[in-house]
Protein backbone atom coordinates (compact mmCIF):
# COMPACT_ATOMS: atom_id res chain seq x y z
CA UNK A 1 17.55 -23.69 -5.64
CA UNK A 2 18.54 -20.30 -7.04
CA UNK A 3 19.67 -17.61 -4.62
CA UNK A 4 18.26 -14.17 -5.39
CA UNK A 5 19.83 -10.91 -4.28
CA UNK A 6 17.61 -8.02 -3.23
CA UNK A 7 18.38 -6.36 -6.56
CA UNK A 8 17.25 -9.48 -8.43
CA UNK A 9 14.07 -9.75 -6.38
CA UNK A 10 13.34 -6.09 -7.01
CA UNK A 11 13.88 -6.43 -10.76
CA UNK A 12 11.59 -9.47 -10.93
CA UNK A 13 8.90 -7.76 -8.89
CA UNK A 14 8.99 -4.77 -11.24
CA UNK A 15 8.74 -7.04 -14.27
CA UNK A 16 5.80 -8.97 -12.79
CA UNK A 17 3.97 -5.82 -11.65
CA UNK A 18 4.26 -4.21 -15.07
CA UNK A 19 3.04 -7.39 -16.77
CA UNK A 20 0.06 -7.36 -14.41
CA UNK A 21 -0.51 -3.70 -15.21
CA UNK A 22 -0.76 -4.50 -18.91
CA UNK A 23 -3.42 -7.09 -18.11
CA UNK A 24 -5.35 -4.45 -16.15
CA UNK A 25 -5.15 -1.94 -19.01
CA UNK A 26 -6.33 -4.55 -21.49
CA UNK A 27 -9.25 -5.51 -19.27
CA UNK A 28 -10.44 -1.92 -18.99
CA UNK A 29 -10.20 -1.40 -22.73
CA UNK A 30 -12.28 -4.52 -23.38
CA UNK A 31 -14.85 -3.62 -20.68
CA UNK A 32 -15.93 -7.24 -20.36
CA UNK A 33 -15.24 -7.87 -16.68
CA UNK A 34 -17.79 -8.96 -14.11
CA UNK A 35 -18.28 -7.43 -10.66
CA UNK A 36 -19.54 -8.71 -7.32
CA UNK A 37 -19.47 -7.72 -3.66
CA UNK A 38 -17.10 -9.63 -1.40
CA UNK A 39 -18.47 -9.98 2.11
CA UNK A 40 -21.46 -7.95 1.01
CA UNK A 41 -19.56 -4.65 0.99
CA UNK A 42 -16.25 -4.83 -0.89
CA UNK A 43 -16.19 -4.70 -4.69
CA UNK A 44 -14.19 -7.36 -6.51
CA UNK A 45 -13.97 -8.07 -10.24
CA UNK A 46 -12.89 -11.13 -12.17
CA UNK A 47 -9.88 -9.05 -13.23
CA UNK A 48 -8.70 -8.91 -9.60
CA UNK A 49 -8.69 -12.71 -9.52
CA UNK A 50 -7.06 -13.06 -12.95
CA UNK A 51 -4.27 -10.63 -12.07
CA UNK A 52 -3.72 -12.29 -8.70
CA UNK A 53 -3.45 -15.63 -10.50
CA UNK A 54 -0.91 -14.24 -12.97
CA UNK A 55 1.26 -12.81 -10.20
CA UNK A 56 1.02 -16.03 -8.19
CA UNK A 57 2.12 -18.07 -11.19
CA UNK A 58 5.09 -15.80 -11.85
CA UNK A 59 6.19 -15.91 -8.22
CA UNK A 60 5.78 -19.69 -8.17
CA UNK A 61 8.13 -19.98 -11.14
CA UNK A 62 10.94 -18.20 -9.29
CA UNK A 63 10.17 -18.72 -5.60
CA UNK A 64 8.23 -21.98 -5.24
CA UNK A 65 9.15 -22.49 -1.59
CA UNK A 66 8.29 -18.97 -0.40
CA UNK A 67 4.92 -18.13 1.14
CA UNK A 68 2.44 -15.81 -0.51
CA UNK A 69 -0.20 -13.57 1.01
CA UNK A 70 -2.57 -12.04 -1.55
CA UNK A 71 -5.96 -10.41 -1.38
CA UNK A 72 -7.89 -12.80 -3.61
CA UNK A 73 -6.05 -16.14 -3.59
CA UNK A 74 -4.29 -16.33 -0.20
CA UNK A 75 -5.77 -13.82 2.25
CA UNK A 76 -5.14 -15.77 5.48
CA UNK A 77 -2.27 -13.72 6.88
CA UNK A 78 -2.70 -15.23 10.34
CA UNK A 79 -1.15 -18.43 8.96
CA UNK A 80 2.22 -16.81 8.28
CA UNK A 81 4.95 -16.53 10.88
CA UNK A 82 7.49 -13.70 11.10
CA UNK A 83 10.36 -16.04 10.17
CA UNK A 84 9.01 -16.82 6.72
CA UNK A 85 10.04 -15.34 3.44
CA UNK A 86 6.73 -13.89 2.39
CA UNK A 87 5.41 -12.21 -0.75
CA UNK A 88 2.50 -9.83 -0.10
CA UNK A 89 0.37 -8.99 -3.13
CA UNK A 90 -2.57 -6.75 -3.95
CA UNK A 91 -3.44 -7.43 -7.61
CA UNK A 92 -5.59 -4.32 -7.92
CA UNK A 93 -5.44 -1.73 -5.17
CA UNK A 94 -8.26 0.64 -6.00
CA UNK A 95 -10.77 -1.82 -7.44
CA UNK A 96 -13.63 0.70 -7.25
CA UNK A 97 -11.48 3.20 -9.15
CA UNK A 98 -10.70 0.53 -11.75
CA UNK A 99 -14.37 -0.34 -12.23
CA UNK A 100 -15.40 3.32 -12.41
CA UNK A 101 -12.76 4.29 -14.97
CA UNK A 102 -10.63 6.32 -12.55
CA UNK A 103 -6.85 6.38 -12.76
CA UNK A 104 -5.71 5.75 -9.17
CA UNK A 105 -5.25 2.00 -9.55
CA UNK A 106 -2.15 0.03 -8.59
CA UNK A 107 -0.50 -3.37 -8.54
CA UNK A 108 1.31 -3.82 -5.23
CA UNK A 109 4.01 -6.45 -4.62
CA UNK A 110 6.07 -6.59 -1.43
CA UNK A 111 8.58 -9.10 -0.08
CA UNK A 112 9.33 -9.71 3.59
CA UNK A 113 12.02 -11.70 5.34
CA UNK A 114 11.77 -12.59 9.03
CA UNK A 115 8.94 -10.11 9.44
CA UNK A 116 10.75 -7.16 7.86
CA UNK A 117 9.72 -5.57 4.57
CA UNK A 118 12.68 -5.73 2.20
CA UNK A 119 11.28 -5.09 -1.30
CA UNK A 120 8.36 -2.98 -2.49
CA UNK A 121 7.01 -2.37 -5.99
CA UNK A 122 3.86 -0.43 -6.84
CA UNK A 123 2.90 -0.01 -10.48
CA UNK A 124 0.15 2.41 -11.51
CA UNK A 125 -0.85 1.31 -15.03
CA UNK A 126 -3.07 4.30 -15.83
CA UNK A 127 -0.60 6.84 -14.47
CA UNK A 128 2.46 5.36 -16.16
CA UNK A 129 4.40 5.18 -12.91
CA UNK A 130 6.33 2.39 -11.21
CA UNK A 131 7.50 3.01 -7.66
CA UNK A 132 10.17 0.69 -6.32
CA UNK A 133 12.46 0.23 -3.35
CA UNK A 134 14.63 -2.34 -1.61
CA UNK A 135 16.19 -2.19 1.82
CA UNK A 136 19.27 -0.01 1.79
CA UNK A 137 18.96 0.82 -1.91
CA UNK A 138 16.69 3.89 -1.82
CA UNK A 139 13.32 4.52 -3.43
CA UNK A 140 12.48 5.41 -7.02
CA UNK A 141 9.69 6.38 -9.37
CA UNK A 142 10.35 5.31 -12.94
CA UNK A 143 13.98 4.76 -11.89
CA UNK A 144 14.37 8.33 -10.63
CA UNK A 145 15.17 8.84 -6.91
CA UNK A 146 12.34 10.16 -4.75
CA UNK A 147 12.12 11.75 -1.31
CA UNK A 148 9.39 13.16 0.95
CA UNK A 149 8.42 16.81 1.10
CA UNK A 150 10.01 19.30 3.43
CA UNK A 151 6.77 20.18 5.25
CA UNK A 152 7.48 21.25 8.83
CA UNK A 153 4.10 22.33 10.21
CA UNK A 154 0.62 20.84 10.34
CA UNK A 155 -0.75 23.96 8.68
CA UNK A 156 1.26 23.13 5.55
CA UNK A 157 0.55 19.38 5.65
CA UNK A 158 -1.57 17.83 2.90
CA UNK A 159 -3.02 14.59 4.25
CA UNK A 160 -4.18 11.43 2.52
CA UNK A 161 -6.53 8.91 4.09
CA UNK A 162 -9.30 6.44 3.32
CA UNK A 163 -12.37 4.96 4.93
CA UNK A 164 -13.56 1.40 5.62
CA UNK A 165 -16.11 -0.32 3.42
CA UNK A 166 -18.31 -0.96 6.45
CA UNK A 167 -20.33 2.24 6.77
CA UNK A 168 -21.06 1.67 10.45
CA UNK A 169 -17.31 1.99 11.12
CA UNK A 170 -16.97 5.35 9.40
CA UNK A 171 -18.70 7.46 12.04
CA UNK A 172 -15.97 6.95 14.62
CA UNK A 173 -13.41 8.33 12.15
CA UNK A 174 -15.20 11.66 11.74
CA UNK A 175 -13.46 13.33 14.72
CA UNK A 176 -10.10 12.59 13.10
CA UNK A 177 -11.29 13.99 9.80
CA UNK A 178 -12.56 17.16 11.46
CA UNK A 179 -9.27 17.59 13.31
CA UNK A 180 -7.27 17.21 10.10
CA UNK A 181 -9.50 19.58 8.14
CA UNK A 182 -9.15 22.14 10.92
CA UNK A 183 -5.48 21.71 11.76
CA UNK A 184 -3.87 20.78 8.45
CA UNK A 185 -3.78 22.20 4.93
CA UNK A 186 -6.39 19.82 3.48
CA UNK A 187 -7.34 16.18 2.88
CA UNK A 188 -7.18 13.96 -0.20
CA UNK A 189 -9.01 10.64 -0.56
CA UNK A 190 -7.72 9.01 -3.75
CA UNK A 191 -8.94 5.45 -3.21
CA UNK A 192 -5.62 3.57 -3.25
CA UNK A 193 -3.67 3.15 -0.03
CA UNK A 194 -0.66 1.90 -2.00
CA UNK A 195 -0.51 5.06 -4.07
CA UNK A 196 -1.15 7.28 -1.04
CA UNK A 197 1.99 5.80 0.50
CA UNK A 198 3.91 6.44 -2.71
CA UNK A 199 2.61 10.01 -2.75
CA UNK A 200 4.06 10.58 0.72
CA UNK A 201 7.31 8.96 -0.43
CA UNK A 202 7.68 11.37 -3.34
CA UNK A 203 6.34 14.51 -1.66
CA UNK A 204 2.91 14.84 -3.27
CA UNK A 205 1.32 14.21 0.11
CA UNK A 206 2.87 15.12 3.44
CA UNK A 207 1.06 12.55 5.60
CA UNK A 208 -1.17 9.50 5.37
CA UNK A 209 -3.16 7.64 8.02
CA UNK A 210 -5.55 4.70 7.80
CA UNK A 211 -6.25 1.13 8.90
CA UNK A 212 -6.10 -1.24 5.95
CA UNK A 213 -5.15 -4.85 5.12
CA UNK A 214 -1.57 -6.15 4.86
CA UNK A 215 -1.59 -6.34 1.06
CA UNK A 216 -2.62 -2.67 0.87
CA UNK A 217 0.46 -1.32 2.62
CA UNK A 218 3.46 -3.69 2.82
CA UNK A 219 5.07 -2.62 -0.47
CA UNK A 220 4.27 1.06 0.03
CA UNK A 221 5.66 0.92 3.57
CA UNK A 222 9.03 -0.20 2.20
CA UNK A 223 8.96 2.49 -0.49
CA UNK A 224 8.06 5.28 1.94
CA UNK A 225 10.66 4.21 4.49
CA UNK A 226 13.42 3.90 1.89
CA UNK A 227 12.50 7.32 0.49
CA UNK A 228 13.07 8.85 3.92
CA UNK A 229 9.53 9.13 5.26
CA UNK A 230 8.79 8.22 8.86
CA UNK A 231 6.53 5.19 9.25
CA UNK A 232 4.74 3.99 12.35
CA UNK A 233 1.49 3.13 14.10
CA UNK A 234 -0.88 5.18 16.22
CA UNK A 235 -1.46 2.21 18.52
CA UNK A 236 0.71 -0.52 19.97
CA UNK A 237 1.62 -3.38 17.67
CA UNK A 238 0.54 -6.67 19.29
CA UNK A 239 3.25 -8.95 20.61
CA UNK A 240 4.39 -11.50 18.06
CA UNK A 241 3.13 -9.51 15.07
CA UNK A 242 5.74 -7.91 12.78
CA UNK A 243 5.24 -4.15 12.63
CA UNK A 244 5.82 -4.29 8.87
CA UNK A 245 2.82 -6.63 8.54
CA UNK A 246 0.47 -4.97 11.06
CA UNK A 247 -2.07 -2.95 9.06
CA UNK A 248 -3.96 -1.11 11.82
CA UNK A 249 -3.59 2.57 12.70
CA UNK A 250 -0.90 3.36 10.15
CA UNK A 251 0.77 6.76 10.11
CA UNK A 252 3.33 7.71 7.46
CA UNK A 253 4.60 11.27 7.11
CA UNK A 254 7.42 13.49 6.08
CA UNK A 255 9.73 13.28 9.11
CA UNK A 256 9.24 16.69 10.69
CA UNK A 257 5.46 16.48 11.08
CA UNK A 258 5.14 12.91 12.38
CA UNK A 259 4.95 13.71 16.08
CA UNK A 260 2.52 16.60 15.63
CA UNK A 261 0.34 14.55 13.30
CA UNK A 262 0.26 11.63 15.74
CA UNK A 263 -0.71 13.96 18.59
CA UNK A 264 -3.48 15.55 16.52
CA UNK A 265 -5.03 12.21 15.58
CA UNK A 266 -4.75 10.70 19.05
CA UNK A 267 -6.33 13.79 20.61
CA UNK A 268 -9.21 13.51 18.14
CA UNK A 269 -9.76 9.90 19.17
CA UNK A 270 -10.27 10.98 22.78
CA UNK A 271 -12.19 14.19 22.15
């Protein structure tokens, strides 16, 4: 069995993500894809499944013995233990954006070892950007080094977030939103958690908070951390669950505003 260095894994993940991105671009140009609601609330297209299948096949060619967690083909993350080598894939992060013709769409591929995120690649096919990082090697956009902003106060902090598909769950998030709109510079809701994390990593956003699914954040978490952002959770991570795989109550910021941002959001939860 071949032994892959982090650099080799990163290069392969970039290659696979960009191949998947070409498939996504082609599908939008042809406008022949079908749509349905998953679980009655979450949009999915046949392109999501096709791209997930492509990525799965490519990973199988190189890493047949390594586990895969992906949104459409292998979503049962409870089956995976922290000791596994695990690929975490979102074939299209921002499916609604894709279907509506918007540009914030991404392929997200992350790799974990023993519960720690080691490689992250996020390719935005309609923006022409590929974000990449590997543990100890730094973070890049189109092969150029990136770093977070220098924001130091909440008043200067531009915040990204998102909202759950289940509308009944949105109401409880309104106090947080009000607190951020009052205490921070402003809010952006771009529709792709993966790209929000990249935007914090490269300084376009100063903070991001949300609860998502593992495939939405694992790659972006690696990229943000390697870029120099501070990553964490607003609640305790359950025992036995790797922090790098726990998708609830995420908070990622430029380092100097993390504590103030965490305090603001926690206070809003108890207001």
